[in-house]
Structure formats: structure tokens, C-alpha cells
Amino acid sequence: MSFKETDFTGTIGFLKSLLANQKDPILFRAMVEKLVNIYDQLPVYPGLVNMCIGQAQKAVEPKDLKRGQKVFVTTDTGYVSGIVAKTGNYLHLKNTLVVTEEKNTELDFGEIKQVASINDNVVEDLWPSLVFDKEQK
């Protein structure tokens, strides 16, 4: 059996869809983490992992949120995640992570703790014999 004949191609398909459609980086990471956790529970059943992860994310009405629930919120200015502390006229979150998109950002080198970059040519660098000109879909 080749890899293409296994259920793992469904997992790759899910990740491709997530990459194409999920703009919230916090929720993106949470969904990948959930995929890994489900796979750890069901390692010999990638088909079941695909079915479960496809139904893990659910839309919730703000008025139906419950205290202690982890949520991912899209706003006009970005994305917020956190744990529901209380609701009422406002949604109060604790342990929040906020992501905003800016056109430009200026950083003081003294404030930078770490910088990382991704090598877009890693396959070419490590395995040049495996790089073929092929059409990208």
C-alpha cells in the first residue's frame, strides 16, 4: 500500500484546507494542536482522526458562551483568544492572546528576544535530487 492509498492523505487535505481558509493564526495553531492530540488518542485510525478534526471547530453565539470556555474571536481589527471569565454587556476574557494586522511595524532591536525565518528551499538544500519541475495546484 502506498501513502496515497492510506487515510493520511485526508489529514494532509485537512491541513491544506486549514492553511487556505483559516486566517486566525491562534485558531490555526489550536486546530493543528487538536489534530495532533486526536492522532495521539487514535494513532492507527487516521480516518477517524480526519472525521473528528473536521467536526472539532464549532461556531458559537456570543450570548451562549459559558464561563471557563476557551474561545477564538474575530474582531474588526484582528483576532483574540482566551478563557471566558464572564459575560453580560461585554465579553470578559482572561489569559488572552491578541493578534492584530498592521501595515508597518517598527521594532527596537533592544526589545527583540528572538527572530526566526523559514527556509523556503529546504528540500532543494537537503535533497536536490528530489526536486523536479512540476505544476503547483
C-alpha atoms as a PDB file:
ATOM      1  CA  MET A   1       0.000   0.000   0.000  1.00  0.00           C
ATOM      2  CA  SER A   2       1.355   3.418  -0.887  1.00  0.00           C
ATOM      3  CA  PHE A   3       0.895   6.555   1.181  1.00  0.00           C
ATOM      4  CA  LYS A   4      -1.687   7.813  -1.341  1.00  0.00           C
ATOM      5  CA  GLU A   5      -3.822   4.744  -0.552  1.00  0.00           C
ATOM      6  CA  THR A   6      -3.908   5.440   3.194  1.00  0.00           C
ATOM      7  CA  ASP A   7      -6.188   7.730   5.172  1.00  0.00           C
ATOM      8  CA  PHE A   8      -3.260  10.077   5.841  1.00  0.00           C
ATOM      9  CA  THR A   9      -3.966  11.921   2.593  1.00  0.00           C
ATOM     10  CA  GLY A  10      -7.205  13.092   4.246  1.00  0.00           C
ATOM     11  CA  THR A  11      -5.135  14.572   7.062  1.00  0.00           C
ATOM     12  CA  ILE A  12      -2.951  16.415   4.572  1.00  0.00           C
ATOM     13  CA  GLY A  13      -6.115  17.576   2.794  1.00  0.00           C
ATOM     14  CA  PHE A  14      -7.470  18.931   6.085  1.00  0.00           C
ATOM     15  CA  LEU A  15      -4.205  20.805   6.707  1.00  0.00           C
ATOM     16  CA  LYS A  16      -4.252  22.248   3.164  1.00  0.00           C
ATOM     17  CA  SER A  17      -7.815  23.456   3.686  1.00  0.00           C
ATOM     18  CA  LEU A  18      -6.936  24.912   7.092  1.00  0.00           C
ATOM     19  CA  LEU A  19      -3.974  26.726   5.576  1.00  0.00           C
ATOM     20  CA  ALA A  20      -6.087  28.118   2.736  1.00  0.00           C
ATOM     21  CA  ASN A  21      -9.095  29.166   4.812  1.00  0.00           C
ATOM     22  CA  GLN A  22      -8.144  29.868   8.421  1.00  0.00           C
ATOM     23  CA  LYS A  23      -6.819  33.423   8.730  1.00  0.00           C
ATOM     24  CA  ASP A  24      -6.775  33.468  12.551  1.00  0.00           C
ATOM     25  CA  PRO A  25      -3.259  32.277  13.482  1.00  0.00           C
ATOM     26  CA  ILE A  26      -4.340  31.491  17.047  1.00  0.00           C
ATOM     27  CA  LEU A  27      -7.182  29.235  15.911  1.00  0.00           C
ATOM     28  CA  PHE A  28      -4.958  27.735  13.200  1.00  0.00           C
ATOM     29  CA  ARG A  29      -2.440  26.628  15.824  1.00  0.00           C
ATOM     30  CA  ALA A  30      -5.203  25.348  18.118  1.00  0.00           C
ATOM     31  CA  MET A  31      -6.674  23.225  15.321  1.00  0.00           C
ATOM     32  CA  VAL A  32      -3.288  21.712  14.437  1.00  0.00           C
ATOM     33  CA  GLU A  33      -2.714  21.014  18.140  1.00  0.00           C
ATOM     34  CA  LYS A  34      -6.152  19.353  18.331  1.00  0.00           C
ATOM     35  CA  LEU A  35      -5.343  17.244  15.263  1.00  0.00           C
ATOM     36  CA  VAL A  36      -2.131  16.033  16.909  1.00  0.00           C
ATOM     37  CA  ASN A  37      -3.942  15.304  20.188  1.00  0.00           C
ATOM     38  CA  ILE A  38      -6.651  13.294  18.418  1.00  0.00           C
ATOM     39  CA  TYR A  39      -3.991  11.396  16.474  1.00  0.00           C
ATOM     40  CA  ASP A  40      -2.221  10.591  19.764  1.00  0.00           C
ATOM     41  CA  GLN A  41      -5.513   9.094  21.005  1.00  0.00           C
ATOM     42  CA  LEU A  42      -6.237   7.161  17.773  1.00  0.00           C
ATOM     43  CA  PRO A  43      -2.847   6.567  16.078  1.00  0.00           C
ATOM     44  CA  VAL A  44      -3.923   3.577  13.977  1.00  0.00           C
ATOM     45  CA  TYR A  45      -7.143   5.208  12.771  1.00  0.00           C
ATOM     46  CA  PRO A  46      -6.267   8.261  10.648  1.00  0.00           C
ATOM     47  CA  GLY A  47      -9.713   8.089   9.007  1.00  0.00           C
ATOM     48  CA  LEU A  48     -11.359   8.570  12.408  1.00  0.00           C
ATOM     49  CA  VAL A  49      -8.899  11.362  13.212  1.00  0.00           C
ATOM     50  CA  ASN A  50      -9.955  13.120   9.978  1.00  0.00           C
ATOM     51  CA  MET A  51     -13.643  12.712  10.827  1.00  0.00           C
ATOM     52  CA  CYS A  52     -13.166  14.046  14.367  1.00  0.00           C
ATOM     53  CA  ILE A  53     -10.976  17.023  13.456  1.00  0.00           C
ATOM     54  CA  GLY A  54     -13.399  18.023  10.722  1.00  0.00           C
ATOM     55  CA  GLN A  55     -16.080  18.470  13.375  1.00  0.00           C
ATOM     56  CA  ALA A  56     -13.949  19.915  16.207  1.00  0.00           C
ATOM     57  CA  GLN A  57     -14.414  23.608  15.408  1.00  0.00           C
ATOM     58  CA  LYS A  58     -17.892  24.956  16.078  1.00  0.00           C
ATOM     59  CA  ALA A  59     -19.415  28.410  15.718  1.00  0.00           C
ATOM     60  CA  VAL A  60     -20.890  29.685  18.984  1.00  0.00           C
ATOM     61  CA  GLU A  61     -23.304  32.546  19.609  1.00  0.00           C
ATOM     62  CA  PRO A  62     -21.668  35.113  21.931  1.00  0.00           C
ATOM     63  CA  LYS A  63     -24.720  35.061  24.241  1.00  0.00           C
ATOM     64  CA  ASP A  64     -24.348  31.272  24.661  1.00  0.00           C
ATOM     65  CA  LEU A  65     -20.767  31.362  25.953  1.00  0.00           C
ATOM     66  CA  LYS A  66     -20.090  29.746  29.308  1.00  0.00           C
ATOM     67  CA  ARG A  67     -17.575  30.666  31.975  1.00  0.00           C
ATOM     68  CA  GLY A  68     -14.334  28.697  31.571  1.00  0.00           C
ATOM     69  CA  GLN A  69     -14.872  28.044  27.853  1.00  0.00           C
ATOM     70  CA  LYS A  70     -11.874  28.656  25.571  1.00  0.00           C
ATOM     71  CA  VAL A  71     -12.907  30.850  22.636  1.00  0.00           C
ATOM     72  CA  PHE A  72     -11.444  32.330  19.470  1.00  0.00           C
ATOM     73  CA  VAL A  73     -12.931  35.676  18.471  1.00  0.00           C
ATOM     74  CA  THR A  74     -12.596  37.577  15.200  1.00  0.00           C
ATOM     75  CA  THR A  75     -12.949  41.357  15.523  1.00  0.00           C
ATOM     76  CA  ASP A  76     -12.740  44.253  13.075  1.00  0.00           C
ATOM     77  CA  THR A  77      -9.084  44.765  13.996  1.00  0.00           C
ATOM     78  CA  GLY A  78      -7.780  41.226  14.468  1.00  0.00           C
ATOM     79  CA  TYR A  79      -8.128  38.052  16.484  1.00  0.00           C
ATOM     80  CA  VAL A  80      -8.468  37.393  20.216  1.00  0.00           C
ATOM     81  CA  SER A  81      -8.460  34.139  22.133  1.00  0.00           C
ATOM     82  CA  GLY A  82      -8.921  33.487  25.804  1.00  0.00           C
ATOM     83  CA  ILE A  83     -10.959  31.871  28.531  1.00  0.00           C
ATOM     84  CA  VAL A  84     -14.441  33.273  29.189  1.00  0.00           C
ATOM     85  CA  ALA A  85     -14.346  34.942  32.619  1.00  0.00           C
ATOM     86  CA  LYS A  86     -17.838  36.410  32.486  1.00  0.00           C
ATOM     87  CA  THR A  87     -20.410  37.707  30.082  1.00  0.00           C
ATOM     88  CA  GLY A  88     -23.036  40.396  30.341  1.00  0.00           C
ATOM     89  CA  ASN A  89     -22.923  43.581  28.316  1.00  0.00           C
ATOM     90  CA  TYR A  90     -19.322  42.676  27.436  1.00  0.00           C
ATOM     91  CA  LEU A  91     -17.344  39.514  26.926  1.00  0.00           C
ATOM     92  CA  HIS A  92     -14.585  39.381  29.531  1.00  0.00           C
ATOM     93  CA  LEU A  93     -11.696  37.040  28.710  1.00  0.00           C
ATOM     94  CA  LYS A  94      -8.700  36.010  30.794  1.00  0.00           C
ATOM     95  CA  ASN A  95      -5.388  34.569  29.592  1.00  0.00           C
ATOM     96  CA  THR A  96      -5.862  36.402  26.314  1.00  0.00           C
ATOM     97  CA  LEU A  97      -3.764  36.358  23.200  1.00  0.00           C
ATOM     98  CA  VAL A  98      -4.372  39.174  20.717  1.00  0.00           C
ATOM     99  CA  VAL A  99      -3.195  39.289  17.098  1.00  0.00           C
ATOM    100  CA  THR A 100      -3.603  42.430  15.027  1.00  0.00           C
ATOM    101  CA  GLU A 101      -2.534  43.153  11.493  1.00  0.00           C
ATOM    102  CA  GLU A 102      -0.588  46.330  10.822  1.00  0.00           C
ATOM    103  CA  LYS A 103       0.647  47.740   7.510  1.00  0.00           C
ATOM    104  CA  ASN A 104       4.059  48.568   9.004  1.00  0.00           C
ATOM    105  CA  THR A 105       5.781  47.915  12.307  1.00  0.00           C
ATOM    106  CA  GLU A 106       8.965  49.342  13.714  1.00  0.00           C
ATOM    107  CA  LEU A 107      10.842  47.362  16.372  1.00  0.00           C
ATOM    108  CA  ASP A 108      13.661  48.455  18.628  1.00  0.00           C
ATOM    109  CA  PHE A 109      16.493  45.900  18.351  1.00  0.00           C
ATOM    110  CA  GLY A 110      16.886  46.059  22.132  1.00  0.00           C
ATOM    111  CA  GLU A 111      13.349  44.700  22.596  1.00  0.00           C
ATOM    112  CA  ILE A 112      13.759  41.725  20.252  1.00  0.00           C
ATOM    113  CA  LYS A 113      14.280  38.440  22.090  1.00  0.00           C
ATOM    114  CA  GLN A 114      14.412  36.107  19.101  1.00  0.00           C
ATOM    115  CA  VAL A 115      13.905  36.130  15.342  1.00  0.00           C
ATOM    116  CA  ALA A 116      13.191  33.074  13.183  1.00  0.00           C
ATOM    117  CA  SER A 117      12.908  32.610   9.451  1.00  0.00           C
ATOM    118  CA  ILE A 118      11.721  29.683   7.317  1.00  0.00           C
ATOM    119  CA  ASN A 119      13.967  28.325   4.571  1.00  0.00           C
ATOM    120  CA  ASP A 120      11.717  28.135   1.518  1.00  0.00           C
ATOM    121  CA  ASN A 121      14.332  25.998  -0.276  1.00  0.00           C
ATOM    122  CA  VAL A 122      14.881  23.358   2.427  1.00  0.00           C
ATOM    123  CA  VAL A 123      14.057  20.418   0.119  1.00  0.00           C
ATOM    124  CA  GLU A 124      16.403  21.766  -2.561  1.00  0.00           C
ATOM    125  CA  ASP A 125      19.142  22.267   0.041  1.00  0.00           C
ATOM    126  CA  LEU A 126      18.830  18.841   1.679  1.00  0.00           C
ATOM    127  CA  TRP A 127      17.597  16.643  -1.188  1.00  0.00           C
ATOM    128  CA  PRO A 128      18.302  18.365  -4.522  1.00  0.00           C
ATOM    129  CA  SER A 129      17.826  15.066  -6.403  1.00  0.00           C
ATOM    130  CA  LEU A 130      14.154  15.046  -5.303  1.00  0.00           C
ATOM    131  CA  VAL A 131      13.318  18.471  -6.742  1.00  0.00           C
ATOM    132  CA  PHE A 132      11.504  18.271 -10.048  1.00  0.00           C
ATOM    133  CA  ASP A 133       9.783  20.946 -12.068  1.00  0.00           C
ATOM    134  CA  LYS A 134       6.115  20.193 -11.522  1.00  0.00           C
ATOM    135  CA  GLU A 135       2.915  22.130 -11.782  1.00  0.00           C
ATOM    136  CA  GLN A 136       1.660  23.597  -8.484  1.00  0.00           C
ATOM    137  CA  LYS A 137      -2.053  23.227  -7.763  1.00  0.00           C
END
